[in-house]
């Protein structure tokens, strides 16, 4: 359950030099790099300030590492109303405005700046109880800087590599330089983190195991997409596949992480307040494992105190964006709450999954078949929807429960005391690395079925021999809607074929049956033009006075989405 939630702390005071007291030449009331950090408490605030940037991703979810890749993948369509054409543009690797990735870019570099500031100043801190405690703080900073750079690199390809707080106007760095820094930061984090069980660490904090798992993800993407054999390091060395495997095995054997016994208990629709009135959860005797469960290797935490005053932190607005659109959210869609209607599920996924794995419980655990589960669903919802399908993902959506008066309210308002506000009350962790992914990465790297078999057995499926084709299907089904599919398609060089296959899929557009279609030059050509990477925010290019160049595929009319 939610424990030890990271506080959202505004640390702009790091950068502020306060007005001097009337007779003093030194300010004792403002934090600046001359007097901060000095104590362990200061160091904790500094590290927490870096974590808070993860929470800030939720300020504008459509501008981000989760929504855009999900909509671009073959698992989901853009969806939303006629007024959400930006999401339909993501589905087609196009744009409707120059600002679609502004928040993602700015937030990542804010996190990187704070990480650089911490690394420049943490050695000044006095009073650590043990050397291990000081090392842990540095390890978290290295991990977070690596995570922000990997997020930027997956989304934008080549980006400026900023390793100092000194103001600089930098061009893009070659991919191998950025990945060398990411890998070196992760190697440093792995060496500094203590080898303590995950449940000895406050929920939301990175661990040695998270660093080992992230290293494997970085290795697979870099070596796959760029067709390399090893991951470079800044000192001229390299990280080999054998080293990545050894670190993954360390995580598997010593972290304490494991699979939850029932896949369906990973998702909040199985929480105790909801399950008693949700037939799917009740009939399957489901019981939510909660946020921070043993399968969560690393996750972004969200505030239980979210309000329109952002100093208290952000709610999980990724759930808000992906919830069923108004006027649903009441009894007709119980327990699924109201949201913005973004990301309906491609019906081809539903039918292919059923044909290939008819006994896989994960299909109905992950996808809502509206016609089956919600017979009273309000058809008026489709009036302004685009690219609707009648299928919805169930992992990251608002979830309701009944209060003592029988009213449908957000489950988090009953369990955690959050506001019963569909825009402020979603607190579910966004899981970045799940232990099932660790097992599947191990199978892919070793070309064995050991991890894959554990994942399949948990879903009630038999062991099958390892093959890359089988591994690809297993990742698609186990990790559906968790923000990984797009990057898997990119690194396997399967994206163009998968995207083109969507053409002709049945949808509903403005209440009428329709079929998914290509726009502009089409899916395949857009992928070939962009390489799967997104536009760099125009404001950043303008501010650089041309030093920073726009990504390929985003400077011609081909990138402009004109709508249905």
Protein backbone atom coordinates (compact mmCIF):
# COMPACT_ATOMS: atom_id res chain seq x y z
CA UNK A 1 0.00 0.00 0.00
CA UNK A 2 1.07 3.64 -0.13
CA UNK A 3 3.79 4.21 2.44
CA UNK A 4 6.68 6.62 2.65
CA UNK A 5 5.39 8.68 -0.27
CA UNK A 6 8.07 11.06 -1.48
CA UNK A 7 7.18 14.61 -0.58
CA UNK A 8 6.91 17.18 -3.33
CA UNK A 9 9.32 19.90 -2.28
CA UNK A 10 9.85 23.12 -4.15
CA UNK A 11 13.61 23.72 -4.15
CA UNK A 12 13.89 26.80 -6.30
CA UNK A 13 15.58 28.26 -3.23
CA UNK A 14 18.68 26.35 -4.31
CA UNK A 15 19.17 28.92 -7.00
CA UNK A 16 18.17 32.01 -5.04
CA UNK A 17 20.63 34.39 -3.42
CA UNK A 18 18.50 36.27 -0.93
CA UNK A 19 18.57 39.97 -0.16
CA UNK A 20 21.09 40.65 2.57
CA UNK A 21 19.91 41.26 6.08
CA UNK A 22 20.15 44.96 6.96
CA UNK A 23 23.57 44.86 8.65
CA UNK A 24 24.94 41.52 7.40
CA UNK A 25 26.83 40.73 4.25
CA UNK A 26 25.79 37.06 4.45
CA UNK A 27 22.22 35.86 4.16
CA UNK A 28 21.19 33.40 6.85
CA UNK A 29 17.64 33.05 5.61
CA UNK A 30 18.05 31.95 2.00
CA UNK A 31 19.53 28.73 0.70
CA UNK A 32 22.21 29.05 -1.96
CA UNK A 33 25.26 27.10 -3.04
CA UNK A 34 27.40 28.88 -0.44
CA UNK A 35 25.45 27.39 2.46
CA UNK A 36 23.41 24.54 0.97
CA UNK A 37 23.70 21.61 1.31
CA UNK A 38 25.49 21.50 4.66
CA UNK A 39 23.58 18.90 6.64
CA UNK A 40 22.13 15.46 6.01
CA UNK A 41 18.68 17.04 6.07
CA UNK A 42 19.81 19.41 3.32
CA UNK A 43 21.07 16.45 1.29
CA UNK A 44 17.74 14.66 1.71
CA UNK A 45 15.92 17.76 0.45
CA UNK A 46 18.28 18.04 -2.49
CA UNK A 47 17.74 14.42 -3.56
CA UNK A 48 13.99 14.68 -3.01
CA UNK A 49 13.95 17.73 -5.25
CA UNK A 50 15.31 15.58 -8.08
CA UNK A 51 12.65 12.93 -7.49
CA UNK A 52 9.97 15.63 -7.57
CA UNK A 53 10.75 16.16 -11.26
CA UNK A 54 9.41 12.66 -11.92
CA UNK A 55 6.14 13.72 -10.34
CA UNK A 56 6.14 16.84 -12.51
CA UNK A 57 5.87 14.69 -15.65
CA UNK A 58 2.19 14.52 -14.71
CA UNK A 59 1.74 18.27 -15.10
CA UNK A 60 1.07 17.76 -18.81
CA UNK A 61 0.71 14.01 -19.42
CA UNK A 62 0.14 14.34 -23.16
CA UNK A 63 3.63 15.88 -23.36
CA UNK A 64 5.46 12.88 -22.14
CA UNK A 65 7.30 9.63 -22.18
CA UNK A 66 4.20 7.52 -21.42
CA UNK A 67 1.21 8.87 -23.36
CA UNK A 68 2.92 9.64 -26.69
CA UNK A 69 4.66 6.24 -27.06
CA UNK A 70 1.52 4.40 -26.01
CA UNK A 71 -0.57 6.15 -28.65
CA UNK A 72 2.14 5.75 -31.27
CA UNK A 73 2.35 1.99 -30.71
CA UNK A 74 0.15 -0.59 -32.39
CA UNK A 75 -1.63 -1.39 -29.11
CA UNK A 76 -3.61 1.87 -28.91
CA UNK A 77 -5.14 4.55 -31.06
CA UNK A 78 -5.18 8.28 -30.34
CA UNK A 79 -8.81 8.53 -29.29
CA UNK A 80 -10.17 11.38 -27.30
CA UNK A 81 -12.72 13.90 -28.48
CA UNK A 82 -12.64 16.06 -31.57
CA UNK A 83 -10.83 18.61 -29.42
CA UNK A 84 -7.96 16.19 -28.63
CA UNK A 85 -6.40 16.11 -32.08
CA UNK A 86 -2.93 16.23 -30.51
CA UNK A 87 -3.44 12.67 -29.26
CA UNK A 88 -4.67 11.50 -32.66
CA UNK A 89 -1.55 13.14 -34.11
CA UNK A 90 0.66 11.10 -31.76
CA UNK A 91 -1.00 7.96 -33.12
CA UNK A 92 0.17 8.90 -36.61
CA UNK A 93 3.64 10.27 -35.71
CA UNK A 94 2.49 13.77 -36.54
CA UNK A 95 1.82 17.04 -34.72
CA UNK A 96 -0.80 19.74 -34.40
CA UNK A 97 1.37 22.26 -32.54
CA UNK A 98 5.02 23.01 -31.80
CA UNK A 99 4.63 22.68 -28.04
CA UNK A 100 3.59 19.04 -27.70
CA UNK A 101 6.81 17.93 -25.96
CA UNK A 102 7.68 21.11 -24.07
CA UNK A 103 6.95 19.78 -20.59
CA UNK A 104 8.83 16.52 -21.11
CA UNK A 105 11.98 18.25 -22.36
CA UNK A 106 11.94 20.95 -19.67
CA UNK A 107 11.21 18.51 -16.86
CA UNK A 108 14.02 16.13 -17.85
CA UNK A 109 16.55 18.93 -18.02
CA UNK A 110 15.27 20.32 -14.72
CA UNK A 111 15.96 16.92 -13.18
CA UNK A 112 19.38 16.78 -14.85
CA UNK A 113 20.28 20.27 -13.59
CA UNK A 114 19.30 19.34 -10.06
CA UNK A 115 21.27 16.10 -10.31
CA UNK A 116 24.34 18.00 -11.56
CA UNK A 117 23.97 20.50 -8.74
CA UNK A 118 23.78 17.69 -6.21
CA UNK A 119 26.86 15.93 -7.57
CA UNK A 120 28.78 19.20 -7.43
CA UNK A 121 27.88 19.80 -3.77
CA UNK A 122 27.06 16.61 -1.87
CA UNK A 123 30.67 16.06 -0.81
CA UNK A 124 30.34 19.15 1.41
CA UNK A 125 27.64 17.56 3.57
CA UNK A 126 28.68 16.72 7.13
CA UNK A 127 27.05 14.46 9.67
CA UNK A 128 26.31 11.26 7.76
CA UNK A 129 25.76 8.39 10.19
CA UNK A 130 27.68 6.03 7.93
CA UNK A 131 29.65 6.19 4.72
CA UNK A 132 27.04 3.88 3.24
CA UNK A 133 24.35 6.52 3.78
CA UNK A 134 26.40 9.11 1.91
CA UNK A 135 27.04 6.64 -0.90
CA UNK A 136 23.33 5.83 -1.15
CA UNK A 137 22.45 9.51 -1.69
CA UNK A 138 25.00 9.81 -4.50
CA UNK A 139 23.79 6.53 -6.02
CA UNK A 140 20.24 7.85 -6.21
CA UNK A 141 21.45 10.99 -7.96
CA UNK A 142 23.45 9.03 -10.53
CA UNK A 143 20.47 6.74 -11.13
CA UNK A 144 18.08 9.64 -11.64
CA UNK A 145 20.40 11.50 -14.01
CA UNK A 146 20.74 8.31 -16.05
CA UNK A 147 16.97 7.87 -16.08
CA UNK A 148 16.31 11.42 -17.30
CA UNK A 149 18.91 11.10 -20.05
CA UNK A 150 17.58 7.72 -21.14
CA UNK A 151 14.06 9.15 -21.29
CA UNK A 152 15.29 12.00 -23.49
CA UNK A 153 17.32 9.64 -25.67
CA UNK A 154 14.44 7.24 -26.28
CA UNK A 155 12.06 10.08 -27.09
CA UNK A 156 14.30 12.44 -29.07
CA UNK A 157 17.34 10.42 -30.16
CA UNK A 158 20.38 12.69 -29.90
CA UNK A 159 20.16 15.46 -27.29
CA UNK A 160 22.52 17.97 -25.63
CA UNK A 161 24.65 16.34 -22.95
CA UNK A 162 24.77 18.73 -20.00
CA UNK A 163 27.02 17.64 -17.12
CA UNK A 164 27.55 20.93 -15.29
CA UNK A 165 25.43 23.68 -13.78
CA UNK A 166 27.41 26.26 -15.76
CA UNK A 167 25.15 27.80 -18.40
CA UNK A 168 26.00 26.51 -21.87
CA UNK A 169 24.44 26.56 -25.33
CA UNK A 170 25.13 23.04 -26.56
CA UNK A 171 24.30 21.17 -29.75
CA UNK A 172 23.16 17.57 -29.79
CA UNK A 173 25.71 15.02 -28.65
CA UNK A 174 26.20 11.84 -30.68
CA UNK A 175 24.10 9.00 -29.33
CA UNK A 176 27.11 6.96 -28.25
CA UNK A 177 28.32 9.83 -26.02
CA UNK A 178 24.99 10.18 -24.26
CA UNK A 179 24.63 6.42 -23.82
CA UNK A 180 28.18 6.24 -22.51
CA UNK A 181 27.21 8.77 -19.84
CA UNK A 182 24.00 6.89 -19.03
CA UNK A 183 25.87 3.62 -18.72
CA UNK A 184 28.64 5.19 -16.62
CA UNK A 185 26.11 6.78 -14.28
CA UNK A 186 24.35 3.44 -13.85
CA UNK A 187 27.64 1.61 -13.23
CA UNK A 188 28.46 4.21 -10.56
CA UNK A 189 25.00 3.86 -9.01
CA UNK A 190 25.28 0.06 -8.92
CA UNK A 191 28.67 0.30 -7.20
CA UNK A 192 27.45 2.80 -4.58
CA UNK A 193 24.05 1.35 -3.70
CA UNK A 194 23.98 -1.06 -0.74
CA UNK A 195 22.78 -4.59 -1.48
CA UNK A 196 19.71 -4.30 0.75
CA UNK A 197 16.37 -5.96 0.10
CA UNK A 198 13.84 -3.78 -1.70
CA UNK A 199 11.49 -3.77 1.32
CA UNK A 200 14.17 -2.19 3.51
CA UNK A 201 14.04 0.93 1.32
CA UNK A 202 11.37 3.62 1.48
CA UNK A 203 8.85 3.22 -1.31
CA UNK A 204 9.63 5.39 -4.31
CA UNK A 205 13.39 5.45 -3.85
CA UNK A 206 15.75 3.88 -6.37
CA UNK A 207 17.79 0.83 -5.37
CA UNK A 208 20.72 -1.18 -6.64
CA UNK A 209 18.16 -3.51 -8.21
CA UNK A 210 16.44 -0.68 -10.08
CA UNK A 211 19.83 0.43 -11.43
CA UNK A 212 20.68 -3.10 -12.58
CA UNK A 213 17.30 -3.44 -14.27
CA UNK A 214 17.50 -0.02 -15.93
CA UNK A 215 20.98 -0.89 -17.21
CA UNK A 216 19.49 -3.94 -18.96
CA UNK A 217 16.76 -1.82 -20.54
CA UNK A 218 19.32 0.73 -21.74
CA UNK A 219 21.54 -2.05 -23.11
CA UNK A 220 18.69 -3.67 -25.03
CA UNK A 221 17.50 -0.40 -26.55
CA UNK A 222 20.94 0.95 -27.48
CA UNK A 223 22.33 -2.28 -28.90
CA UNK A 224 19.06 -3.08 -30.66
CA UNK A 225 18.17 0.26 -32.18
CA UNK A 226 21.72 1.28 -33.06
CA UNK A 227 22.78 -2.31 -33.90
CA UNK A 228 25.74 -2.48 -31.52
CA UNK A 229 27.18 -5.32 -29.45
CA UNK A 230 28.11 -3.44 -26.28
CA UNK A 231 27.22 -0.32 -24.32
CA UNK A 232 29.98 2.33 -24.26
CA UNK A 233 31.42 3.95 -21.13
CA UNK A 234 32.89 7.44 -20.79
CA UNK A 235 36.36 6.11 -19.95
CA UNK A 236 36.55 4.23 -23.24
CA UNK A 237 35.46 0.93 -21.74
CA UNK A 238 32.27 -0.94 -22.44
CA UNK A 239 29.47 -2.86 -20.77
CA UNK A 240 29.08 -6.32 -22.25
CA UNK A 241 26.03 -8.50 -22.50
CA UNK A 242 27.59 -10.90 -20.00
CA UNK A 243 27.96 -8.11 -17.44
CA UNK A 244 24.35 -7.01 -17.93
CA UNK A 245 23.16 -10.60 -17.48
CA UNK A 246 25.22 -11.00 -14.31
CA UNK A 247 23.73 -7.83 -12.84
CA UNK A 248 20.20 -8.92 -13.77
CA UNK A 249 20.82 -12.25 -12.04
CA UNK A 250 22.00 -10.34 -8.98
CA UNK A 251 18.68 -8.49 -9.01
CA UNK A 252 16.66 -11.68 -9.50
CA UNK A 253 18.46 -13.63 -6.78
CA UNK A 254 19.13 -11.04 -4.07
CA UNK A 255 16.64 -8.16 -4.33
CA UNK A 256 13.68 -9.83 -2.65
CA UNK A 257 11.55 -8.81 -5.63
CA UNK A 258 9.24 -11.48 -6.99
CA UNK A 259 6.08 -11.91 -9.03
CA UNK A 260 2.79 -11.37 -7.25
CA UNK A 261 0.85 -14.63 -7.23
CA UNK A 262 -2.01 -13.23 -9.35
CA UNK A 263 -1.35 -10.82 -12.23
CA UNK A 264 -4.76 -9.24 -11.66
CA UNK A 265 -3.83 -8.13 -8.16
CA UNK A 266 -1.33 -5.66 -9.59
CA UNK A 267 -4.05 -3.25 -10.68
CA UNK A 268 -6.25 -1.06 -8.45
CA UNK A 269 -9.57 -2.43 -9.75
CA UNK A 270 -8.88 -5.29 -7.33
CA UNK A 271 -8.68 -3.04 -4.24
CA UNK A 272 -10.86 -4.03 -1.29
CA UNK A 273 -13.30 -1.13 -1.61
CA UNK A 274 -13.90 -1.71 -5.31
CA UNK A 275 -13.73 -5.49 -5.47
CA UNK A 276 -16.82 -6.12 -3.37
CA UNK A 277 -19.02 -4.48 -6.03
CA UNK A 278 -17.03 -5.27 -9.19
CA UNK A 279 -18.09 -8.69 -10.37
CA UNK A 280 -14.83 -9.42 -12.22
CA UNK A 281 -12.78 -8.81 -9.08
CA UNK A 282 -15.28 -10.43 -6.70
CA UNK A 283 -15.80 -13.61 -8.74
CA UNK A 284 -12.04 -14.11 -9.09
CA UNK A 285 -11.37 -13.39 -5.37
CA UNK A 286 -8.94 -10.62 -6.25
CA UNK A 287 -7.10 -8.57 -3.64
CA UNK A 288 -4.94 -5.61 -4.68
CA UNK A 289 -1.26 -5.97 -3.81
CA UNK A 290 -1.08 -2.18 -3.48
CA UNK A 291 1.43 0.40 -4.61
CA UNK A 292 5.01 -0.45 -3.74
CA UNK A 293 4.37 -4.20 -3.84
CA UNK A 294 7.12 -6.79 -4.27
CA UNK A 295 6.85 -6.71 -8.06
CA UNK A 296 7.54 -2.97 -8.29
CA UNK A 297 11.25 -2.41 -8.94
CA UNK A 298 10.90 1.33 -9.58
CA UNK A 299 7.88 3.60 -9.82
CA UNK A 300 6.91 7.26 -9.97
CA UNK A 301 4.96 8.30 -6.88
CA UNK A 302 2.12 10.81 -6.84
CA UNK A 303 0.75 13.08 -4.18
CA UNK A 304 -2.15 12.18 -1.90
CA UNK A 305 -2.52 15.92 -1.29
CA UNK A 306 -2.74 17.06 -4.90
CA UNK A 307 -4.56 20.35 -5.34
CA UNK A 308 -4.62 23.17 -7.84
CA UNK A 309 -1.75 24.56 -5.77
CA UNK A 310 1.09 22.59 -7.36
CA UNK A 311 3.43 22.96 -4.38
CA UNK A 312 1.61 19.96 -2.90
CA UNK A 313 2.48 17.79 -5.91
CA UNK A 314 0.63 16.26 -8.82
CA UNK A 315 -1.89 13.46 -8.97
CA UNK A 316 -1.43 10.67 -11.51
CA UNK A 317 -2.86 12.52 -14.48
CA UNK A 318 -1.79 9.72 -16.80
CA UNK A 319 -4.77 7.82 -15.38
CA UNK A 320 -6.96 10.88 -15.88
CA UNK A 321 -6.02 11.13 -19.56
CA UNK A 322 -6.67 7.44 -20.16
CA UNK A 323 -10.00 7.17 -18.35
CA UNK A 324 -13.40 6.82 -20.02
CA UNK A 325 -14.62 10.18 -21.16
CA UNK A 326 -17.64 12.05 -19.73
CA UNK A 327 -20.57 11.42 -19.19
CA UNK A 328 -19.26 8.09 -17.89
CA UNK A 329 -17.66 7.59 -14.51
CA UNK A 330 -20.83 6.74 -12.62
CA UNK A 331 -22.81 3.51 -12.24
CA UNK A 332 -23.03 2.82 -15.97
CA UNK A 333 -19.25 2.39 -16.17
CA UNK A 334 -18.54 1.18 -12.63
CA UNK A 335 -15.83 0.77 -11.44
CA UNK A 336 -14.10 2.71 -14.22
CA UNK A 337 -14.00 6.42 -13.54
CA UNK A 338 -14.13 9.52 -15.67
CA UNK A 339 -11.23 10.82 -17.73
CA UNK A 340 -10.29 12.31 -21.07
CA UNK A 341 -10.87 9.26 -23.28
CA UNK A 342 -7.32 9.02 -24.65
CA UNK A 343 -5.92 5.75 -25.99
CA UNK A 344 -8.65 3.25 -26.91
CA UNK A 345 -7.26 -0.24 -27.49
CA UNK A 346 -6.63 -1.45 -31.02
CA UNK A 347 -9.20 -4.25 -31.57
CA UNK A 348 -6.54 -6.18 -33.48
CA UNK A 349 -4.70 -6.70 -30.19
CA UNK A 350 -7.82 -8.18 -28.60
CA UNK A 351 -8.47 -10.62 -31.46
CA UNK A 352 -4.82 -11.61 -32.01
CA UNK A 353 -4.33 -12.21 -28.30
CA UNK A 354 -7.43 -14.38 -28.12
CA UNK A 355 -6.34 -16.41 -31.14
CA UNK A 356 -2.77 -16.93 -29.92
CA UNK A 357 -3.39 -17.40 -26.19
CA UNK A 358 -7.10 -18.15 -25.64
CA UNK A 359 -6.50 -19.19 -22.02
CA UNK A 360 -4.40 -16.18 -21.05
CA UNK A 361 -6.11 -14.49 -18.09
CA UNK A 362 -4.07 -11.35 -18.72
CA UNK A 363 -6.17 -10.40 -21.72
CA UNK A 364 -9.35 -9.68 -19.74
CA UNK A 365 -7.23 -8.47 -16.83
CA UNK A 366 -5.65 -5.82 -19.07
CA UNK A 367 -8.40 -4.92 -21.55
CA UNK A 368 -11.95 -3.81 -20.87
CA UNK A 369 -14.43 -5.17 -23.41
CA UNK A 370 -17.12 -2.53 -22.96
CA UNK A 371 -19.87 -4.61 -24.57
CA UNK A 372 -19.24 -7.48 -22.13
CA UNK A 373 -18.35 -5.76 -18.87
CA UNK A 374 -20.40 -2.55 -19.12
CA UNK A 375 -23.82 -3.38 -20.59
CA UNK A 376 -25.20 -0.05 -19.32
CA UNK A 377 -22.35 1.99 -20.77
CA UNK A 378 -23.59 5.40 -21.91
CA UNK A 379 -23.57 5.41 -25.74
CA UNK A 380 -23.58 9.21 -25.70
CA UNK A 381 -19.89 8.93 -24.86
CA UNK A 382 -19.13 8.04 -28.44
CA UNK A 383 -20.74 11.20 -29.79
CA UNK A 384 -17.54 13.25 -29.96
CA UNK A 385 -15.01 10.43 -29.76
CA UNK A 386 -12.52 9.82 -32.48
CA UNK A 387 -10.92 6.43 -33.16
CA UNK A 388 -13.05 4.72 -30.48
CA UNK A 389 -13.09 0.92 -30.52
CA UNK A 390 -15.19 -0.42 -27.65
CA UNK A 391 -12.02 -1.69 -25.93
CA UNK A 392 -10.18 0.07 -23.14
CA UNK A 393 -7.09 -0.68 -21.11
CA UNK A 394 -7.64 -1.38 -17.39
CA UNK A 395 -4.18 -0.86 -15.89
CA UNK A 396 -3.93 2.92 -15.67
CA UNK A 397 -7.42 4.41 -15.43
CA UNK A 398 -9.43 6.10 -12.67
CA UNK A 399 -11.05 3.47 -10.46
CA UNK A 400 -14.17 4.05 -8.37
CA UNK A 401 -15.61 2.39 -5.28
CA UNK A 402 -18.87 2.82 -3.40
CA UNK A 403 -18.90 4.97 -0.29
CA UNK A 404 -21.18 4.32 2.70
CA UNK A 405 -24.04 6.01 0.87
CA UNK A 406 -23.58 3.87 -2.23
CA UNK A 407 -22.14 6.69 -4.32
CA UNK A 408 -19.36 6.03 -6.82
CA UNK A 409 -16.24 7.83 -5.61
CA UNK A 410 -12.53 7.42 -6.31
CA UNK A 411 -11.18 4.42 -4.39
CA UNK A 412 -8.21 6.52 -3.23
CA UNK A 413 -10.55 8.88 -1.40
CA UNK A 414 -11.69 5.94 0.73
CA UNK A 415 -8.30 4.27 1.19
CA UNK A 416 -5.99 7.27 1.39
CA UNK A 417 -8.18 10.31 2.05
CA UNK A 418 -7.49 12.00 -1.28
CA UNK A 419 -9.93 14.48 -2.76
CA UNK A 420 -12.84 12.81 -4.52
CA UNK A 421 -12.07 14.80 -7.64
CA UNK A 422 -11.51 13.00 -10.91
CA UNK A 423 -8.77 15.48 -11.83
CA UNK A 424 -6.97 15.48 -8.47
CA UNK A 425 -7.61 12.14 -6.80
CA UNK A 426 -5.71 9.56 -8.87
CA UNK A 427 -2.72 8.38 -6.82
CA UNK A 428 -1.77 5.05 -8.41
CA UNK A 429 1.97 4.58 -8.88
CA UNK A 430 3.18 4.68 -12.47
CA UNK A 431 5.41 1.61 -12.46
CA UNK A 432 8.52 2.21 -14.53
CA UNK A 433 10.18 -1.18 -13.98
CA UNK A 434 8.26 -4.29 -12.96
CA UNK A 435 9.90 -7.58 -11.91
CA UNK A 436 8.13 -9.41 -14.74
CA UNK A 437 10.04 -7.15 -17.13
CA UNK A 438 13.30 -8.07 -15.36
CA UNK A 439 12.57 -11.77 -15.98
CA UNK A 440 11.67 -11.18 -19.63
CA UNK A 441 14.78 -9.09 -20.23
CA UNK A 442 16.84 -11.91 -18.73
CA UNK A 443 15.24 -14.42 -21.10
CA UNK A 444 15.88 -12.17 -24.08
CA UNK A 445 19.52 -11.58 -23.16
CA UNK A 446 20.28 -15.23 -22.35
CA UNK A 447 18.01 -16.66 -25.07
CA UNK A 448 16.56 -19.07 -22.51
CA UNK A 449 12.98 -19.57 -21.42
CA UNK A 450 13.60 -19.46 -17.65
CA UNK A 451 12.22 -16.00 -16.92
CA UNK A 452 9.61 -16.26 -19.65
CA UNK A 453 8.32 -19.49 -18.12
CA UNK A 454 7.91 -17.91 -14.68
CA UNK A 455 5.88 -15.09 -16.22
CA UNK A 456 3.74 -17.47 -18.28
CA UNK A 457 3.14 -19.84 -15.37
CA UNK A 458 1.88 -16.95 -13.24
CA UNK A 459 -0.71 -16.29 -16.00
CA UNK A 460 -1.78 -19.97 -15.99
CA UNK A 461 0.03 -20.75 -19.24
CA UNK A 462 2.35 -23.69 -20.00
CA UNK A 463 6.07 -23.55 -20.64
CA UNK A 464 7.13 -23.07 -24.27
CA UNK A 465 10.61 -23.11 -25.85
CA UNK A 466 12.47 -19.84 -26.14
CA UNK A 467 12.46 -18.01 -29.45
CA UNK A 468 12.68 -14.31 -30.16
CA UNK A 469 9.21 -14.45 -31.72
CA UNK A 470 7.79 -16.04 -28.56
CA UNK A 471 9.60 -13.51 -26.37
CA UNK A 472 8.18 -10.62 -28.40
CA UNK A 473 4.62 -11.89 -27.92
CA UNK A 474 5.20 -12.46 -24.22
CA UNK A 475 6.43 -8.91 -23.72
CA UNK A 476 3.47 -7.52 -25.66
CA UNK A 477 0.93 -9.39 -23.56
CA UNK A 478 2.53 -9.15 -20.12
CA UNK A 479 3.56 -5.48 -20.40
CA UNK A 480 0.68 -4.12 -22.50
CA UNK A 481 -0.16 -0.44 -21.81
CA UNK A 482 2.85 0.06 -19.54
CA UNK A 483 4.69 2.44 -21.88
CA UNK A 484 7.18 -0.10 -23.29
CA UNK A 485 5.70 -1.42 -26.52
CA UNK A 486 6.77 1.50 -28.74
CA UNK A 487 10.40 1.29 -27.65
CA UNK A 488 10.38 -2.49 -28.08
CA UNK A 489 9.15 -2.07 -31.66
CA UNK A 490 11.87 0.51 -32.30
CA UNK A 491 14.73 -1.61 -30.97
CA UNK A 492 13.51 -4.74 -32.77
CA UNK A 493 13.11 -2.71 -36.01
CA UNK A 494 9.51 -3.92 -36.18
CA UNK A 495 7.80 -0.54 -35.90
CA UNK A 496 7.05 0.24 -39.56
CA UNK A 497 5.43 -3.15 -40.18
CA UNK A 498 3.42 -3.04 -36.96
CA UNK A 499 2.14 0.47 -37.62
CA UNK A 500 1.14 -0.24 -41.21
CA UNK A 501 -0.82 -3.26 -40.05
CA UNK A 502 -3.20 -0.94 -38.15
CA UNK A 503 -4.67 0.42 -41.39
CA UNK A 504 -8.19 -0.94 -41.81
CA UNK A 505 -8.78 -1.76 -38.12
CA UNK A 506 -12.45 -1.14 -37.20
CA UNK A 507 -13.13 2.03 -35.22
CA UNK A 508 -15.93 4.48 -34.46
CA UNK A 509 -15.47 8.08 -35.57
CA UNK A 510 -18.18 10.63 -34.75
CA UNK A 511 -20.73 7.88 -34.00
CA UNK A 512 -20.20 6.15 -37.34
CA UNK A 513 -18.38 2.89 -38.09
CA UNK A 514 -15.10 3.59 -39.83
CA UNK A 515 -11.68 2.08 -40.39
CA UNK A 516 -8.28 3.28 -39.25
CA UNK A 517 -6.45 4.94 -42.12
CA UNK A 518 -3.12 6.46 -43.03
CA UNK A 519 -2.79 10.23 -42.91
CA UNK A 520 -0.45 12.28 -45.01
CA UNK A 521 2.41 10.12 -46.25
CA UNK A 522 1.28 7.20 -44.07
CA UNK A 523 2.59 5.25 -41.09
CA UNK A 524 5.55 3.58 -42.78
CA UNK A 525 6.88 6.72 -44.42
CA UNK A 526 6.47 8.75 -41.23
CA UNK A 527 8.44 6.17 -39.28
CA UNK A 528 11.15 6.13 -41.93
CA UNK A 529 11.29 9.93 -41.88
CA UNK A 530 11.55 10.24 -38.09
CA UNK A 531 13.21 7.00 -37.02
CA UNK A 532 10.56 6.87 -34.31
CA UNK A 533 11.82 9.99 -32.52
CA UNK A 534 9.74 13.05 -31.68
CA UNK A 535 10.11 16.72 -32.46
CA UNK A 536 12.40 18.77 -30.24
CA UNK A 537 10.38 21.67 -28.79
CA UNK A 538 10.63 24.64 -31.11
CA UNK A 539 11.14 27.02 -28.20
CA UNK A 540 14.37 25.20 -27.34
CA UNK A 541 15.65 25.49 -30.90
CA UNK A 542 14.76 29.19 -30.98
CA UNK A 543 16.50 29.84 -27.66
CA UNK A 544 19.65 28.13 -28.93
CA UNK A 545 19.90 30.51 -31.90
CA UNK A 546 20.21 27.56 -34.24
CA UNK A 547 22.84 25.64 -32.26
CA UNK A 548 20.24 22.96 -31.54
CA UNK A 549 18.86 21.40 -34.72
CA UNK A 550 15.41 19.90 -35.19
CA UNK A 551 15.06 16.15 -35.58
CA UNK A 552 14.60 14.59 -38.99
CA UNK A 553 11.02 14.42 -40.22
CA UNK A 554 9.77 17.42 -38.26
CA UNK A 555 10.53 20.35 -40.58
CA UNK A 556 8.25 19.64 -43.56
CA UNK A 557 4.52 19.65 -44.15
CA UNK A 558 4.48 15.86 -43.86
CA UNK A 559 4.49 16.18 -40.07
CA UNK A 560 1.33 18.30 -39.86
CA UNK A 561 -1.83 16.42 -38.80
CA UNK A 562 -4.97 17.88 -40.38
CA UNK A 563 -7.48 15.54 -38.72
CA UNK A 564 -10.28 13.29 -39.89
